[in-house]
PDB file of N, CA and C in Angstrom:
ATOM      1  N   UNK A   1     -24.467  -5.187   7.788  1.00  0.00           N
ATOM      2  CA  UNK A   1     -25.031  -3.751   7.655  1.00  0.00           C
ATOM      3  C   UNK A   1     -24.732  -3.236   6.422  1.00  0.00           C
ATOM      4  N   UNK A   2     -25.632  -2.688   5.763  1.00  0.00           N
ATOM      5  CA  UNK A   2     -25.603  -2.035   4.449  1.00  0.00           C
ATOM      6  C   UNK A   2     -24.641  -0.887   4.346  1.00  0.00           C
ATOM      7  N   UNK A   3     -24.607  -0.067   5.394  1.00  0.00           N
ATOM      8  CA  UNK A   3     -23.738   1.078   5.459  1.00  0.00           C
ATOM      9  C   UNK A   3     -22.447   1.018   6.334  1.00  0.00           C
ATOM     10  N   UNK A   4     -22.109  -0.208   6.556  1.00  0.00           N
ATOM     11  CA  UNK A   4     -20.920  -0.323   7.547  1.00  0.00           C
ATOM     12  C   UNK A   4     -19.624   0.248   7.175  1.00  0.00           C
ATOM     13  N   UNK A   5     -19.227  -0.015   5.998  1.00  0.00           N
ATOM     14  CA  UNK A   5     -18.000   0.639   5.501  1.00  0.00           C
ATOM     15  C   UNK A   5     -18.056   2.150   5.304  1.00  0.00           C
ATOM     16  N   UNK A   6     -19.297   2.616   5.071  1.00  0.00           N
ATOM     17  CA  UNK A   6     -19.353   4.197   4.940  1.00  0.00           C
ATOM     18  C   UNK A   6     -19.172   4.680   6.378  1.00  0.00           C
ATOM     19  N   UNK A   7     -19.912   4.062   7.281  1.00  0.00           N
ATOM     20  CA  UNK A   7     -19.868   4.569   8.732  1.00  0.00           C
ATOM     21  C   UNK A   7     -18.436   4.517   9.296  1.00  0.00           C
ATOM     22  N   UNK A   8     -17.767   3.359   9.014  1.00  0.00           N
ATOM     23  CA  UNK A   8     -16.500   3.212   9.495  1.00  0.00           C
ATOM     24  C   UNK A   8     -15.525   4.176   8.863  1.00  0.00           C
ATOM     25  N   UNK A   9     -15.748   4.360   7.630  1.00  0.00           N
ATOM     26  CA  UNK A   9     -14.864   5.287   6.844  1.00  0.00           C
ATOM     27  C   UNK A   9     -14.951   6.672   7.440  1.00  0.00           C
ATOM     28  N   UNK A  10     -16.190   7.165   7.726  1.00  0.00           N
ATOM     29  CA  UNK A  10     -16.474   8.446   8.300  1.00  0.00           C
ATOM     30  C   UNK A  10     -15.763   8.568   9.647  1.00  0.00           C
ATOM     31  N   UNK A  11     -15.861   7.606  10.374  1.00  0.00           N
ATOM     32  CA  UNK A  11     -15.215   7.484  11.680  1.00  0.00           C
ATOM     33  C   UNK A  11     -13.723   7.618  11.601  1.00  0.00           C
ATOM     34  N   UNK A  12     -13.110   6.832  10.650  1.00  0.00           N
ATOM     35  CA  UNK A  12     -11.689   6.948  10.498  1.00  0.00           C
ATOM     36  C   UNK A  12     -11.190   8.431  10.137  1.00  0.00           C
ATOM     37  N   UNK A  13     -12.050   9.092   9.199  1.00  0.00           N
ATOM     38  CA  UNK A  13     -11.706  10.442   8.866  1.00  0.00           C
ATOM     39  C   UNK A  13     -11.962  11.359   9.934  1.00  0.00           C
ATOM     40  N   UNK A  14     -12.632  11.171  10.930  1.00  0.00           N
ATOM     41  CA  UNK A  14     -12.919  11.989  11.996  1.00  0.00           C
ATOM     42  C   UNK A  14     -11.617  11.869  13.019  1.00  0.00           C
ATOM     43  N   UNK A  15     -11.361  10.681  13.215  1.00  0.00           N
ATOM     44  CA  UNK A  15     -10.181  10.256  14.093  1.00  0.00           C
ATOM     45  C   UNK A  15      -8.935  10.745  13.339  1.00  0.00           C
ATOM     46  N   UNK A  16      -8.824  10.575  12.198  1.00  0.00           N
ATOM     47  CA  UNK A  16      -7.555  11.178  11.480  1.00  0.00           C
ATOM     48  C   UNK A  16      -7.506  12.635  11.508  1.00  0.00           C
ATOM     49  N   UNK A  17      -8.553  13.289  11.299  1.00  0.00           N
ATOM     50  CA  UNK A  17      -8.598  14.804  11.459  1.00  0.00           C
ATOM     51  C   UNK A  17      -8.095  15.285  12.761  1.00  0.00           C
ATOM     52  N   UNK A  18      -8.613  14.550  13.879  1.00  0.00           N
ATOM     53  CA  UNK A  18      -8.248  14.945  15.147  1.00  0.00           C
ATOM     54  C   UNK A  18      -6.739  14.717  15.420  1.00  0.00           C
ATOM     55  N   UNK A  19      -6.298  13.599  15.104  1.00  0.00           N
ATOM     56  CA  UNK A  19      -4.787  13.462  15.126  1.00  0.00           C
ATOM     57  C   UNK A  19      -3.892  14.285  14.488  1.00  0.00           C
ATOM     58  N   UNK A  20      -4.505  14.689  13.244  1.00  0.00           N
ATOM     59  CA  UNK A  20      -3.687  15.600  12.414  1.00  0.00           C
ATOM     60  C   UNK A  20      -3.638  17.019  13.169  1.00  0.00           C
ATOM     61  N   UNK A  21      -4.754  17.566  13.605  1.00  0.00           N
ATOM     62  CA  UNK A  21      -4.753  18.772  14.222  1.00  0.00           C
ATOM     63  C   UNK A  21      -4.057  18.687  15.541  1.00  0.00           C
ATOM     64  N   UNK A  22      -3.966  17.593  16.421  1.00  0.00           N
ATOM     65  CA  UNK A  22      -3.234  17.457  17.560  1.00  0.00           C
ATOM     66  C   UNK A  22      -1.826  17.447  17.218  1.00  0.00           C
ATOM     67  N   UNK A  23      -1.374  16.773  16.290  1.00  0.00           N
ATOM     68  CA  UNK A  23      -0.077  16.746  15.817  1.00  0.00           C
ATOM     69  C   UNK A  23       0.418  18.068  15.405  1.00  0.00           C
ATOM     70  N   UNK A  24      -0.424  18.891  14.763  1.00  0.00           N
ATOM     71  CA  UNK A  24       0.120  20.273  14.439  1.00  0.00           C
ATOM     72  C   UNK A  24       0.087  20.998  15.615  1.00  0.00           C
ATOM     73  N   UNK A  25      -0.729  20.856  16.538  1.00  0.00           N
ATOM     74  CA  UNK A  25      -0.895  21.741  17.786  1.00  0.00           C
ATOM     75  C   UNK A  25       0.423  21.547  18.670  1.00  0.00           C
ATOM     76  N   UNK A  26       0.862  20.271  18.835  1.00  0.00           N
ATOM     77  CA  UNK A  26       1.926  19.892  19.639  1.00  0.00           C
ATOM     78  C   UNK A  26       3.410  19.794  18.845  1.00  0.00           C
ATOM     79  N   UNK A  27       3.262  19.970  17.654  1.00  0.00           N
ATOM     80  CA  UNK A  27       4.413  19.931  16.893  1.00  0.00           C
ATOM     81  C   UNK A  27       4.999  18.495  16.637  1.00  0.00           C
ATOM     82  N   UNK A  28       4.065  17.484  16.718  1.00  0.00           N
ATOM     83  CA  UNK A  28       4.479  16.181  16.430  1.00  0.00           C
ATOM     84  C   UNK A  28       4.165  15.659  15.067  1.00  0.00           C
ATOM     85  N   UNK A  29       5.181  15.848  14.126  1.00  0.00           N
ATOM     86  CA  UNK A  29       5.065  15.560  12.679  1.00  0.00           C
ATOM     87  C   UNK A  29       4.615  14.080  12.400  1.00  0.00           C
ATOM     88  N   UNK A  30       5.136  13.130  13.229  1.00  0.00           N
ATOM     89  CA  UNK A  30       4.533  11.793  13.101  1.00  0.00           C
ATOM     90  C   UNK A  30       2.989  11.472  13.236  1.00  0.00           C
ATOM     91  N   UNK A  31       2.641  12.251  14.312  1.00  0.00           N
ATOM     92  CA  UNK A  31       1.172  12.125  14.669  1.00  0.00           C
ATOM     93  C   UNK A  31       0.408  12.727  13.650  1.00  0.00           C
ATOM     94  N   UNK A  32       0.887  13.902  13.091  1.00  0.00           N
ATOM     95  CA  UNK A  32       0.193  14.644  12.009  1.00  0.00           C
ATOM     96  C   UNK A  32       0.085  13.878  10.817  1.00  0.00           C
ATOM     97  N   UNK A  33       1.186  13.281  10.388  1.00  0.00           N
ATOM     98  CA  UNK A  33       1.322  12.322   9.202  1.00  0.00           C
ATOM     99  C   UNK A  33       0.283  11.158   9.376  1.00  0.00           C
ATOM    100  N   UNK A  34       0.472  10.479  10.682  1.00  0.00           N
ATOM    101  CA  UNK A  34      -0.581   9.469  10.812  1.00  0.00           C
ATOM    102  C   UNK A  34      -2.039   9.895  10.734  1.00  0.00           C
ATOM    103  N   UNK A  35      -2.342  11.047  11.138  1.00  0.00           N
ATOM    104  CA  UNK A  35      -3.730  11.527  10.967  1.00  0.00           C
ATOM    105  C   UNK A  35      -3.948  11.745   9.489  1.00  0.00           C
ATOM    106  N   UNK A  36      -3.215  12.259   8.911  1.00  0.00           N
ATOM    107  CA  UNK A  36      -3.315  12.422   7.325  1.00  0.00           C
ATOM    108  C   UNK A  36      -3.599  11.100   6.658  1.00  0.00           C
ATOM    109  N   UNK A  37      -2.771  10.136   7.008  1.00  0.00           N
ATOM    110  CA  UNK A  37      -3.012   8.843   6.298  1.00  0.00           C
ATOM    111  C   UNK A  37      -4.312   8.155   6.734  1.00  0.00           C
ATOM    112  N   UNK A  38      -4.609   8.426   8.040  1.00  0.00           N
ATOM    113  CA  UNK A  38      -5.936   7.710   8.492  1.00  0.00           C
ATOM    114  C   UNK A  38      -7.119   8.442   7.898  1.00  0.00           C
ATOM    115  N   UNK A  39      -7.116   9.700   7.615  1.00  0.00           N
ATOM    116  CA  UNK A  39      -8.227  10.422   6.866  1.00  0.00           C
ATOM    117  C   UNK A  39      -8.304   9.983   5.465  1.00  0.00           C
ATOM    118  N   UNK A  40      -7.159   9.750   4.847  1.00  0.00           N
ATOM    119  CA  UNK A  40      -7.064   9.219   3.525  1.00  0.00           C
ATOM    120  C   UNK A  40      -7.729   7.782   3.500  1.00  0.00           C
ATOM    121  N   UNK A  41      -7.279   7.104   4.385  1.00  0.00           N
ATOM    122  CA  UNK A  41      -7.852   5.555   4.477  1.00  0.00           C
ATOM    123  C   UNK A  41      -9.376   5.630   4.711  1.00  0.00           C
ATOM    124  N   UNK A  42      -9.910   6.459   5.644  1.00  0.00           N
ATOM    125  CA  UNK A  42     -11.153   6.617   5.782  1.00  0.00           C
ATOM    126  C   UNK A  42     -11.984   7.046   4.640  1.00  0.00           C
ATOM    127  N   UNK A  43     -11.519   7.984   3.752  1.00  0.00           N
ATOM    128  CA  UNK A  43     -12.131   8.462   2.596  1.00  0.00           C
ATOM    129  C   UNK A  43     -12.275   7.247   1.604  1.00  0.00           C
ATOM    130  N   UNK A  44     -11.176   6.453   1.409  1.00  0.00           N
ATOM    131  CA  UNK A  44     -11.227   5.310   0.442  1.00  0.00           C
ATOM    132  C   UNK A  44     -12.224   4.240   1.031  1.00  0.00           C
ATOM    133  N   UNK A  45     -12.265   3.949   2.274  1.00  0.00           N
ATOM    134  CA  UNK A  45     -13.305   2.940   2.854  1.00  0.00           C
ATOM    135  C   UNK A  45     -14.648   3.545   2.637  1.00  0.00           C
ATOM    136  N   UNK A  46     -14.943   4.729   2.854  1.00  0.00           N
ATOM    137  CA  UNK A  46     -16.231   5.365   2.610  1.00  0.00           C
ATOM    138  C   UNK A  46     -16.687   5.195   1.153  1.00  0.00           C
ATOM    139  N   UNK A  47     -15.759   5.510   0.259  1.00  0.00           N
ATOM    140  CA  UNK A  47     -16.133   5.410  -1.058  1.00  0.00           C
ATOM    141  C   UNK A  47     -16.299   3.955  -1.677  1.00  0.00           C
ATOM    142  N   UNK A  48     -15.536   3.050  -1.176  1.00  0.00           N
ATOM    143  CA  UNK A  48     -15.758   1.565  -1.384  1.00  0.00           C
ATOM    144  C   UNK A  48     -16.973   1.159  -0.885  1.00  0.00           C
ATOM    145  N   UNK A  49     -17.385   1.656   0.307  1.00  0.00           N
ATOM    146  CA  UNK A  49     -18.737   1.289   0.835  1.00  0.00           C
ATOM    147  C   UNK A  49     -19.859   1.772  -0.084  1.00  0.00           C
ATOM    148  N   UNK A  50     -19.778   3.045  -0.374  1.00  0.00           N
ATOM    149  CA  UNK A  50     -20.836   3.496  -1.357  1.00  0.00           C
ATOM    150  C   UNK A  50     -20.896   2.838  -2.568  1.00  0.00           C
ATOM    151  N   UNK A  51     -19.886   2.563  -3.277  1.00  0.00           N
ATOM    152  CA  UNK A  51     -19.745   1.732  -4.425  1.00  0.00           C
ATOM    153  C   UNK A  51     -20.408   0.390  -4.241  1.00  0.00           C
ATOM    154  N   UNK A  52     -19.976  -0.329  -3.218  1.00  0.00           N
ATOM    155  CA  UNK A  52     -20.653  -1.728  -2.901  1.00  0.00           C
ATOM    156  C   UNK A  52     -22.076  -1.651  -2.596  1.00  0.00           C
ATOM    157  N   UNK A  53     -22.524  -0.489  -1.850  1.00  0.00           N
ATOM    158  CA  UNK A  53     -23.931  -0.422  -1.661  1.00  0.00           C
ATOM    159  C   UNK A  53     -24.628  -0.205  -2.904  1.00  0.00           C
ATOM    160  N   UNK A  54     -24.243   0.688  -3.903  1.00  0.00           N
ATOM    161  CA  UNK A  54     -24.825   1.113  -5.136  1.00  0.00           C
ATOM    162  C   UNK A  54     -25.003  -0.210  -6.041  1.00  0.00           C
ATOM    163  N   UNK A  55     -23.898  -1.036  -5.988  1.00  0.00           N
ATOM    164  CA  UNK A  55     -23.866  -2.156  -6.855  1.00  0.00           C
ATOM    165  C   UNK A  55     -24.993  -3.161  -6.261  1.00  0.00           C
ATOM    166  N   UNK A  56     -24.882  -3.305  -4.916  1.00  0.00           N
ATOM    167  CA  UNK A  56     -25.824  -4.164  -4.362  1.00  0.00           C
ATOM    168  C   UNK A  56     -27.438  -3.839  -4.617  1.00  0.00           C
ATOM    169  N   UNK A  57     -27.553  -2.529  -4.661  1.00  0.00           N
ATOM    170  CA  UNK A  57     -28.912  -1.924  -4.772  1.00  0.00           C
ATOM    171  C   UNK A  57     -29.412  -2.188  -6.300  1.00  0.00           C
ATOM    172  N   UNK A  58     -28.394  -2.092  -7.248  1.00  0.00           N
ATOM    173  CA  UNK A  58     -28.585  -2.280  -8.643  1.00  0.00           C
ATOM    174  C   UNK A  58     -28.854  -3.776  -8.827  1.00  0.00           C
ATOM    175  N   UNK A  59     -28.200  -4.683  -8.235  1.00  0.00           N
ATOM    176  CA  UNK A  59     -28.626  -6.010  -8.323  1.00  0.00           C
ATOM    177  C   UNK A  59     -29.957  -6.488  -7.794  1.00  0.00           C
ATOM    178  N   UNK A  60     -30.247  -5.901  -6.531  1.00  0.00           N
ATOM    179  CA  UNK A  60     -31.526  -6.263  -6.099  1.00  0.00           C
ATOM    180  C   UNK A  60     -32.740  -5.616  -7.048  1.00  0.00           C
ATOM    181  N   UNK A  61     -32.474  -4.471  -7.631  1.00  0.00           N
ATOM    182  CA  UNK A  61     -33.364  -3.948  -8.479  1.00  0.00           C
ATOM    183  C   UNK A  61     -33.597  -4.739  -9.691  1.00  0.00           C
ATOM    184  N   UNK A  62     -32.291  -5.134 -10.265  1.00  0.00           N
ATOM    185  CA  UNK A  62     -32.469  -6.059 -11.383  1.00  0.00           C
ATOM    186  C   UNK A  62     -33.277  -7.429 -11.067  1.00  0.00           C
ATOM    187  N   UNK A  63     -32.845  -7.969  -9.878  1.00  0.00           N
ATOM    188  CA  UNK A  63     -33.685  -9.062  -9.449  1.00  0.00           C
ATOM    189  C   UNK A  63     -35.082  -9.012  -9.373  1.00  0.00           C
ATOM    190  N   UNK A  64     -35.583  -7.742  -8.851  1.00  0.00           N
ATOM    191  CA  UNK A  64     -36.928  -7.564  -8.777  1.00  0.00           C
ATOM    192  C   UNK A  64     -37.492  -7.365 -10.134  1.00  0.00           C
ATOM    193  N   UNK A  65     -36.762  -6.684 -11.098  1.00  0.00           N
ATOM    194  CA  UNK A  65     -37.396  -6.632 -12.479  1.00  0.00           C
ATOM    195  C   UNK A  65     -37.471  -7.952 -13.188  1.00  0.00           C
ATOM    196  N   UNK A  66     -36.462  -8.814 -12.966  1.00  0.00           N
ATOM    197  CA  UNK A  66     -36.605 -10.176 -13.541  1.00  0.00           C
ATOM    198  C   UNK A  66     -37.719 -11.053 -12.849  1.00  0.00           C
ATOM    199  N   UNK A  67     -37.901 -10.827 -11.695  1.00  0.00           N
ATOM    200  CA  UNK A  67     -39.045 -11.510 -11.033  1.00  0.00           C
ATOM    201  C   UNK A  67     -40.385 -10.938 -11.322  1.00  0.00           C
ATOM    202  N   UNK A  68     -40.457  -9.694 -11.960  1.00  0.00           N
ATOM    203  CA  UNK A  68     -41.641  -9.241 -12.429  1.00  0.00           C
ATOM    204  C   UNK A  68     -42.321  -8.490 -11.302  1.00  0.00           C
ATOM    205  N   UNK A  69     -41.568  -8.060 -10.233  1.00  0.00           N
ATOM    206  CA  UNK A  69     -42.119  -7.405  -9.155  1.00  0.00           C
ATOM    207  C   UNK A  69     -42.257  -5.877  -9.318  1.00  0.00           C
ATOM    208  N   UNK A  70     -41.668  -5.447 -10.542  1.00  0.00           N
ATOM    209  CA  UNK A  70     -41.637  -3.943 -10.757  1.00  0.00           C
ATOM    210  C   UNK A  70     -42.158  -3.765 -12.226  1.00  0.00           C
TER     211      UNK A  70
END
């Protein structure tokens, strides 16, 4: 799937944000920190996915140009 890492990263960010808010609400510092970490990991995963997709699209475009399809 072309957007897999981007989608998984967004999901991790959402779960992390929920954990973070729940941790703040119940006063669980460990849960809050876990949520913050998960949100960060999700952002990194999403950005890596975007970069990977853009590189793939550039390679496909270059291949099409070389093949004379554009």
